[in-house]
């Protein structure tokens, strides 16, 4: 949900031609891009970790099991 909101936030601003953000480079790159990047990176990393954990669990579940005789 957080990533979806961030995508909408950046996409609507880009579509509007960046008219709502301060055009000064320091403000734009440090505040708008840099600080808001945290809200993209953290959920993105958590999503990647969750996918990795799910794939590992699925591989363990799909592994053939040998019955003890």
PDB file of N, CA and C in Angstrom:
ATOM      1  N   UNK A   1       0.798  -1.175   0.000  1.00  0.00           N
ATOM      2  CA  UNK A   1       0.000   0.000   0.000  1.00  0.00           C
ATOM      3  C   UNK A   1       0.858   1.265   0.000  1.00  0.00           C
ATOM      4  N   UNK A   2       1.937   1.226   0.753  1.00  0.00           N
ATOM      5  CA  UNK A   2       2.821   2.398   0.810  1.00  0.00           C
ATOM      6  C   UNK A   2       3.458   2.658  -0.542  1.00  0.00           C
ATOM      7  N   UNK A   3       3.918   1.626  -1.203  1.00  0.00           N
ATOM      8  CA  UNK A   3       4.530   1.810  -2.520  1.00  0.00           C
ATOM      9  C   UNK A   3       3.522   2.345  -3.525  1.00  0.00           C
ATOM     10  N   UNK A   4       2.301   1.853  -3.482  1.00  0.00           N
ATOM     11  CA  UNK A   4       1.256   2.332  -4.387  1.00  0.00           C
ATOM     12  C   UNK A   4       1.005   3.821  -4.164  1.00  0.00           C
ATOM     13  N   UNK A   5       0.929   4.236  -2.922  1.00  0.00           N
ATOM     14  CA  UNK A   5       0.743   5.646  -2.605  1.00  0.00           C
ATOM     15  C   UNK A   5       1.900   6.501  -3.086  1.00  0.00           C
ATOM     16  N   UNK A   6       3.115   5.993  -2.931  1.00  0.00           N
ATOM     17  CA  UNK A   6       4.291   6.730  -3.398  1.00  0.00           C
ATOM     18  C   UNK A   6       4.297   6.865  -4.911  1.00  0.00           C
ATOM     19  N   UNK A   7       3.932   5.803  -5.584  1.00  0.00           N
ATOM     20  CA  UNK A   7       3.879   5.855  -7.051  1.00  0.00           C
ATOM     21  C   UNK A   7       2.855   6.902  -7.494  1.00  0.00           C
ATOM     22  N   UNK A   8       1.694   6.903  -6.851  1.00  0.00           N
ATOM     23  CA  UNK A   8       0.686   7.914  -7.183  1.00  0.00           C
ATOM     24  C   UNK A   8       1.192   9.315  -6.875  1.00  0.00           C
ATOM     25  N   UNK A   9       1.867   9.478  -5.756  1.00  0.00           N
ATOM     26  CA  UNK A   9       2.401  10.783  -5.346  1.00  0.00           C
ATOM     27  C   UNK A   9       3.371  11.328  -6.392  1.00  0.00           C
ATOM     28  N   UNK A  10       4.331  10.505  -6.777  1.00  0.00           N
ATOM     29  CA  UNK A  10       5.319  10.954  -7.754  1.00  0.00           C
ATOM     30  C   UNK A  10       4.733  11.063  -9.156  1.00  0.00           C
ATOM     31  N   UNK A  11       3.876  10.126  -9.520  1.00  0.00           N
ATOM     32  CA  UNK A  11       3.316  10.128 -10.876  1.00  0.00           C
ATOM     33  C   UNK A  11       2.390  11.319 -11.102  1.00  0.00           C
ATOM     34  N   UNK A  12       1.568  11.652 -10.124  1.00  0.00           N
ATOM     35  CA  UNK A  12       0.676  12.797 -10.320  1.00  0.00           C
ATOM     36  C   UNK A  12       1.464  14.099 -10.390  1.00  0.00           C
ATOM     37  N   UNK A  13       2.520  14.193  -9.622  1.00  0.00           N
ATOM     38  CA  UNK A  13       3.362  15.386  -9.683  1.00  0.00           C
ATOM     39  C   UNK A  13       4.096  15.459 -11.019  1.00  0.00           C
ATOM     40  N   UNK A  14       4.591  14.341 -11.496  1.00  0.00           N
ATOM     41  CA  UNK A  14       5.274  14.331 -12.796  1.00  0.00           C
ATOM     42  C   UNK A  14       4.299  14.680 -13.913  1.00  0.00           C
ATOM     43  N   UNK A  15       3.101  14.140 -13.824  1.00  0.00           N
ATOM     44  CA  UNK A  15       2.094  14.413 -14.857  1.00  0.00           C
ATOM     45  C   UNK A  15       1.684  15.891 -14.872  1.00  0.00           C
ATOM     46  N   UNK A  16       1.688  16.517 -13.691  1.00  0.00           N
ATOM     47  CA  UNK A  16       1.342  17.933 -13.596  1.00  0.00           C
ATOM     48  C   UNK A  16       2.506  18.832 -14.011  1.00  0.00           C
ATOM     49  N   UNK A  17       3.622  18.213 -14.384  1.00  0.00           N
ATOM     50  CA  UNK A  17       4.779  18.996 -14.828  1.00  0.00           C
ATOM     51  C   UNK A  17       5.595  19.576 -13.695  1.00  0.00           C
ATOM     52  N   UNK A  18       5.540  18.937 -12.533  1.00  0.00           N
ATOM     53  CA  UNK A  18       6.297  19.336 -11.345  1.00  0.00           C
ATOM     54  C   UNK A  18       5.914  20.753 -10.899  1.00  0.00           C
ATOM     55  N   UNK A  19       4.687  21.153 -11.161  1.00  0.00           N
ATOM     56  CA  UNK A  19       4.246  22.515 -10.842  1.00  0.00           C
ATOM     57  C   UNK A  19       4.049  22.735  -9.343  1.00  0.00           C
ATOM     58  N   UNK A  20       3.840  21.700  -8.573  1.00  0.00           N
ATOM     59  CA  UNK A  20       3.599  21.854  -7.147  1.00  0.00           C
ATOM     60  C   UNK A  20       4.856  21.739  -6.302  1.00  0.00           C
ATOM     61  N   UNK A  21       5.983  21.451  -6.907  1.00  0.00           N
ATOM     62  CA  UNK A  21       7.232  21.338  -6.148  1.00  0.00           C
ATOM     63  C   UNK A  21       8.098  22.553  -6.413  1.00  0.00           C
ATOM     64  N   UNK A  22       8.888  22.893  -5.443  1.00  0.00           N
ATOM     65  CA  UNK A  22       9.794  24.031  -5.554  1.00  0.00           C
ATOM     66  C   UNK A  22      10.856  23.699  -6.596  1.00  0.00           C
ATOM     67  N   UNK A  23      11.062  24.561  -7.580  1.00  0.00           N
ATOM     68  CA  UNK A  23      12.008  24.233  -8.656  1.00  0.00           C
ATOM     69  C   UNK A  23      13.481  24.353  -8.276  1.00  0.00           C
ATOM     70  N   UNK A  24      13.778  24.893  -7.106  1.00  0.00           N
ATOM     71  CA  UNK A  24      15.192  25.010  -6.730  1.00  0.00           C
ATOM     72  C   UNK A  24      15.804  23.617  -6.601  1.00  0.00           C
ATOM     73  N   UNK A  25      16.991  23.401  -7.167  1.00  0.00           N
ATOM     74  CA  UNK A  25      17.596  22.054  -7.166  1.00  0.00           C
ATOM     75  C   UNK A  25      17.776  21.464  -5.769  1.00  0.00           C
ATOM     76  N   UNK A  26      18.191  22.259  -4.801  1.00  0.00           N
ATOM     77  CA  UNK A  26      18.405  21.719  -3.459  1.00  0.00           C
ATOM     78  C   UNK A  26      17.092  21.194  -2.883  1.00  0.00           C
ATOM     79  N   UNK A  27      16.035  21.956  -2.990  1.00  0.00           N
ATOM     80  CA  UNK A  27      14.742  21.528  -2.475  1.00  0.00           C
ATOM     81  C   UNK A  27      14.257  20.287  -3.220  1.00  0.00           C
ATOM     82  N   UNK A  28      14.315  20.366  -4.551  1.00  0.00           N
ATOM     83  CA  UNK A  28      13.784  19.260  -5.346  1.00  0.00           C
ATOM     84  C   UNK A  28      14.532  17.968  -5.074  1.00  0.00           C
ATOM     85  N   UNK A  29      15.853  17.959  -5.156  1.00  0.00           N
ATOM     86  CA  UNK A  29      16.620  16.718  -5.040  1.00  0.00           C
ATOM     87  C   UNK A  29      16.767  16.233  -3.605  1.00  0.00           C
ATOM     88  N   UNK A  30      16.927  17.159  -2.661  1.00  0.00           N
ATOM     89  CA  UNK A  30      17.113  16.734  -1.273  1.00  0.00           C
ATOM     90  C   UNK A  30      15.773  16.422  -0.615  1.00  0.00           C
ATOM     91  N   UNK A  31      14.829  17.351  -0.696  1.00  0.00           N
ATOM     92  CA  UNK A  31      13.562  17.135  -0.004  1.00  0.00           C
ATOM     93  C   UNK A  31      12.616  16.238  -0.794  1.00  0.00           C
ATOM     94  N   UNK A  32      12.282  16.657  -1.984  1.00  0.00           N
ATOM     95  CA  UNK A  32      11.261  15.936  -2.745  1.00  0.00           C
ATOM     96  C   UNK A  32      11.712  14.534  -3.132  1.00  0.00           C
ATOM     97  N   UNK A  33      12.921  14.409  -3.644  1.00  0.00           N
ATOM     98  CA  UNK A  33      13.397  13.094  -4.090  1.00  0.00           C
ATOM     99  C   UNK A  33      14.086  12.343  -2.951  1.00  0.00           C
ATOM    100  N   UNK A  34      15.049  12.959  -2.307  1.00  0.00           N
ATOM    101  CA  UNK A  34      15.859  12.275  -1.299  1.00  0.00           C
ATOM    102  C   UNK A  34      15.098  11.794  -0.093  1.00  0.00           C
ATOM    103  N   UNK A  35      14.383  12.701   0.555  1.00  0.00           N
ATOM    104  CA  UNK A  35      13.669  12.310   1.772  1.00  0.00           C
ATOM    105  C   UNK A  35      12.507  11.392   1.453  1.00  0.00           C
ATOM    106  N   UNK A  36      11.819  11.651   0.354  1.00  0.00           N
ATOM    107  CA  UNK A  36      10.698  10.781  -0.012  1.00  0.00           C
ATOM    108  C   UNK A  36      11.168   9.427  -0.526  1.00  0.00           C
ATOM    109  N   UNK A  37      12.423   9.321  -0.922  1.00  0.00           N
ATOM    110  CA  UNK A  37      12.957   8.034  -1.380  1.00  0.00           C
ATOM    111  C   UNK A  37      12.949   7.007  -0.249  1.00  0.00           C
ATOM    112  N   UNK A  38      13.060   7.475   0.987  1.00  0.00           N
ATOM    113  CA  UNK A  38      13.006   6.561   2.131  1.00  0.00           C
ATOM    114  C   UNK A  38      11.693   5.796   2.116  1.00  0.00           C
ATOM    115  N   UNK A  39      10.601   6.481   1.743  1.00  0.00           N
ATOM    116  CA  UNK A  39       9.273   5.869   1.740  1.00  0.00           C
ATOM    117  C   UNK A  39       9.088   4.917   0.570  1.00  0.00           C
ATOM    118  N   UNK A  40      10.028   4.915  -0.359  1.00  0.00           N
ATOM    119  CA  UNK A  40      10.004   3.949  -1.463  1.00  0.00           C
ATOM    120  C   UNK A  40      10.978   2.814  -1.165  1.00  0.00           C
ATOM    121  N   UNK A  41      12.159   3.154  -0.662  1.00  0.00           N
ATOM    122  CA  UNK A  41      13.195   2.153  -0.428  1.00  0.00           C
ATOM    123  C   UNK A  41      12.839   1.169   0.687  1.00  0.00           C
ATOM    124  N   UNK A  42      12.373   1.666   1.817  1.00  0.00           N
ATOM    125  CA  UNK A  42      12.085   0.774   2.952  1.00  0.00           C
ATOM    126  C   UNK A  42      10.992  -0.241   2.603  1.00  0.00           C
ATOM    127  N   UNK A  43       9.827   0.195   2.106  1.00  0.00           N
ATOM    128  CA  UNK A  43       8.830  -0.813   1.728  1.00  0.00           C
ATOM    129  C   UNK A  43       9.309  -1.710   0.584  1.00  0.00           C
ATOM    130  N   UNK A  44      10.092  -1.149  -0.330  1.00  0.00           N
ATOM    131  CA  UNK A  44      10.624  -1.965  -1.428  1.00  0.00           C
ATOM    132  C   UNK A  44      11.548  -3.059  -0.929  1.00  0.00           C
ATOM    133  N   UNK A  45      12.424  -2.711   0.003  1.00  0.00           N
ATOM    134  CA  UNK A  45      13.324  -3.713   0.580  1.00  0.00           C
ATOM    135  C   UNK A  45      12.555  -4.757   1.386  1.00  0.00           C
ATOM    136  N   UNK A  46      11.553  -4.312   2.115  1.00  0.00           N
ATOM    137  CA  UNK A  46      10.731  -5.265   2.869  1.00  0.00           C
ATOM    138  C   UNK A  46       9.971  -6.197   1.932  1.00  0.00           C
ATOM    139  N   UNK A  47       9.501  -5.667   0.814  1.00  0.00           N
ATOM    140  CA  UNK A  47       8.808  -6.495  -0.167  1.00  0.00           C
ATOM    141  C   UNK A  47       9.755  -7.524  -0.786  1.00  0.00           C
ATOM    142  N   UNK A  48      10.972  -7.106  -1.116  1.00  0.00           N
ATOM    143  CA  UNK A  48      11.956  -8.042  -1.652  1.00  0.00           C
ATOM    144  C   UNK A  48      12.304  -9.134  -0.637  1.00  0.00           C
ATOM    145  N   UNK A  49      12.467  -8.746   0.625  1.00  0.00           N
ATOM    146  CA  UNK A  49      12.766  -9.722   1.668  1.00  0.00           C
ATOM    147  C   UNK A  49      11.615 -10.710   1.829  1.00  0.00           C
ATOM    148  N   UNK A  50      10.398 -10.211   1.803  1.00  0.00           N
ATOM    149  CA  UNK A  50       9.237 -11.097   1.936  1.00  0.00           C
ATOM    150  C   UNK A  50       9.174 -12.078   0.766  1.00  0.00           C
ATOM    151  N   UNK A  51       9.444 -11.597  -0.447  1.00  0.00           N
ATOM    152  CA  UNK A  51       9.441 -12.489  -1.617  1.00  0.00           C
ATOM    153  C   UNK A  51      10.524 -13.550  -1.489  1.00  0.00           C
ATOM    154  N   UNK A  52      11.696 -13.149  -0.998  1.00  0.00           N
ATOM    155  CA  UNK A  52      12.787 -14.100  -0.796  1.00  0.00           C
ATOM    156  C   UNK A  52      12.399 -15.150   0.250  1.00  0.00           C
ATOM    157  N   UNK A  53      11.818 -14.716   1.346  1.00  0.00           N
ATOM    158  CA  UNK A  53      11.401 -15.644   2.394  1.00  0.00           C
ATOM    159  C   UNK A  53      10.327 -16.607   1.888  1.00  0.00           C
ATOM    160  N   UNK A  54       9.375 -16.093   1.116  1.00  0.00           N
ATOM    161  CA  UNK A  54       8.328 -16.952   0.560  1.00  0.00           C
ATOM    162  C   UNK A  54       8.899 -17.965  -0.426  1.00  0.00           C
ATOM    163  N   UNK A  55       9.824 -17.521  -1.270  1.00  0.00           N
ATOM    164  CA  UNK A  55      10.436 -18.435  -2.236  1.00  0.00           C
ATOM    165  C   UNK A  55      11.235 -19.519  -1.530  1.00  0.00           C
ATOM    166  N   UNK A  56      11.968 -19.158  -0.474  1.00  0.00           N
ATOM    167  CA  UNK A  56      12.738 -20.134   0.292  1.00  0.00           C
ATOM    168  C   UNK A  56      11.804 -21.146   0.957  1.00  0.00           C
ATOM    169  N   UNK A  57      10.726 -20.672   1.536  1.00  0.00           N
ATOM    170  CA  UNK A  57       9.769 -21.571   2.187  1.00  0.00           C
ATOM    171  C   UNK A  57       9.116 -22.496   1.165  1.00  0.00           C
ATOM    172  N   UNK A  58       8.801 -21.968  -0.012  1.00  0.00           N
ATOM    173  CA  UNK A  58       8.172 -22.792  -1.050  1.00  0.00           C
ATOM    174  C   UNK A  58       9.127 -23.854  -1.564  1.00  0.00           C
ATOM    175  N   UNK A  59      10.410 -23.489  -1.748  1.00  0.00           N
ATOM    176  CA  UNK A  59      11.400 -24.486  -2.181  1.00  0.00           C
ATOM    177  C   UNK A  59      11.533 -25.599  -1.153  1.00  0.00           C
ATOM    178  N   UNK A  60      11.521 -25.228   0.132  1.00  0.00           N
ATOM    179  CA  UNK A  60      11.601 -26.234   1.185  1.00  0.00           C
ATOM    180  C   UNK A  60      10.376 -27.128   1.202  1.00  0.00           C
ATOM    181  N   UNK A  61       9.242 -26.571   0.901  1.00  0.00           N
ATOM    182  CA  UNK A  61       7.999 -27.349   0.876  1.00  0.00           C
ATOM    183  C   UNK A  61       7.941 -28.252  -0.359  1.00  0.00           C
ATOM    184  N   UNK A  62       8.473 -27.802  -1.483  1.00  0.00           N
ATOM    185  CA  UNK A  62       8.425 -28.565  -2.727  1.00  0.00           C
ATOM    186  C   UNK A  62       9.489 -29.664  -2.799  1.00  0.00           C
ATOM    187  N   UNK A  63      10.469 -29.624  -1.926  1.00  0.00           N
ATOM    188  CA  UNK A  63      11.550 -30.614  -1.931  1.00  0.00           C
ATOM    189  C   UNK A  63      10.965 -31.999  -1.672  1.00  0.00           C
ATOM    190  N   UNK A  64      11.363 -32.982  -2.476  1.00  0.00           N
ATOM    191  CA  UNK A  64      10.840 -34.340  -2.248  1.00  0.00           C
ATOM    192  C   UNK A  64      11.278 -34.863  -0.878  1.00  0.00           C
ATOM    193  N   UNK A  65      10.387 -35.537  -0.232  1.00  0.00           N
ATOM    194  CA  UNK A  65      10.676 -36.086   1.085  1.00  0.00           C
ATOM    195  C   UNK A  65      10.823 -37.601   0.962  1.00  0.00           C
ATOM    196  N   UNK A  66      11.817 -38.117   1.637  1.00  0.00           N
ATOM    197  CA  UNK A  66      12.047 -39.547   1.632  1.00  0.00           C
ATOM    198  C   UNK A  66      11.446 -40.150   2.885  1.00  0.00           C
ATOM    199  N   UNK A  67      10.689 -41.214   2.691  1.00  0.00           N
ATOM    200  CA  UNK A  67      10.097 -41.888   3.840  1.00  0.00           C
ATOM    201  C   UNK A  67      11.115 -42.802   4.490  1.00  0.00           C
ATOM    202  N   UNK A  68      11.114 -42.800   5.785  1.00  0.00           N
ATOM    203  CA  UNK A  68      12.004 -43.716   6.508  1.00  0.00           C
ATOM    204  C   UNK A  68      11.390 -45.101   6.500  1.00  0.00           C
ATOM    205  N   UNK A  69      12.191 -46.097   6.163  1.00  0.00           N
ATOM    206  CA  UNK A  69      11.676 -47.478   6.077  1.00  0.00           C
ATOM    207  C   UNK A  69      11.861 -48.183   7.378  1.00  0.00           C
TER     208      UNK A  69
END
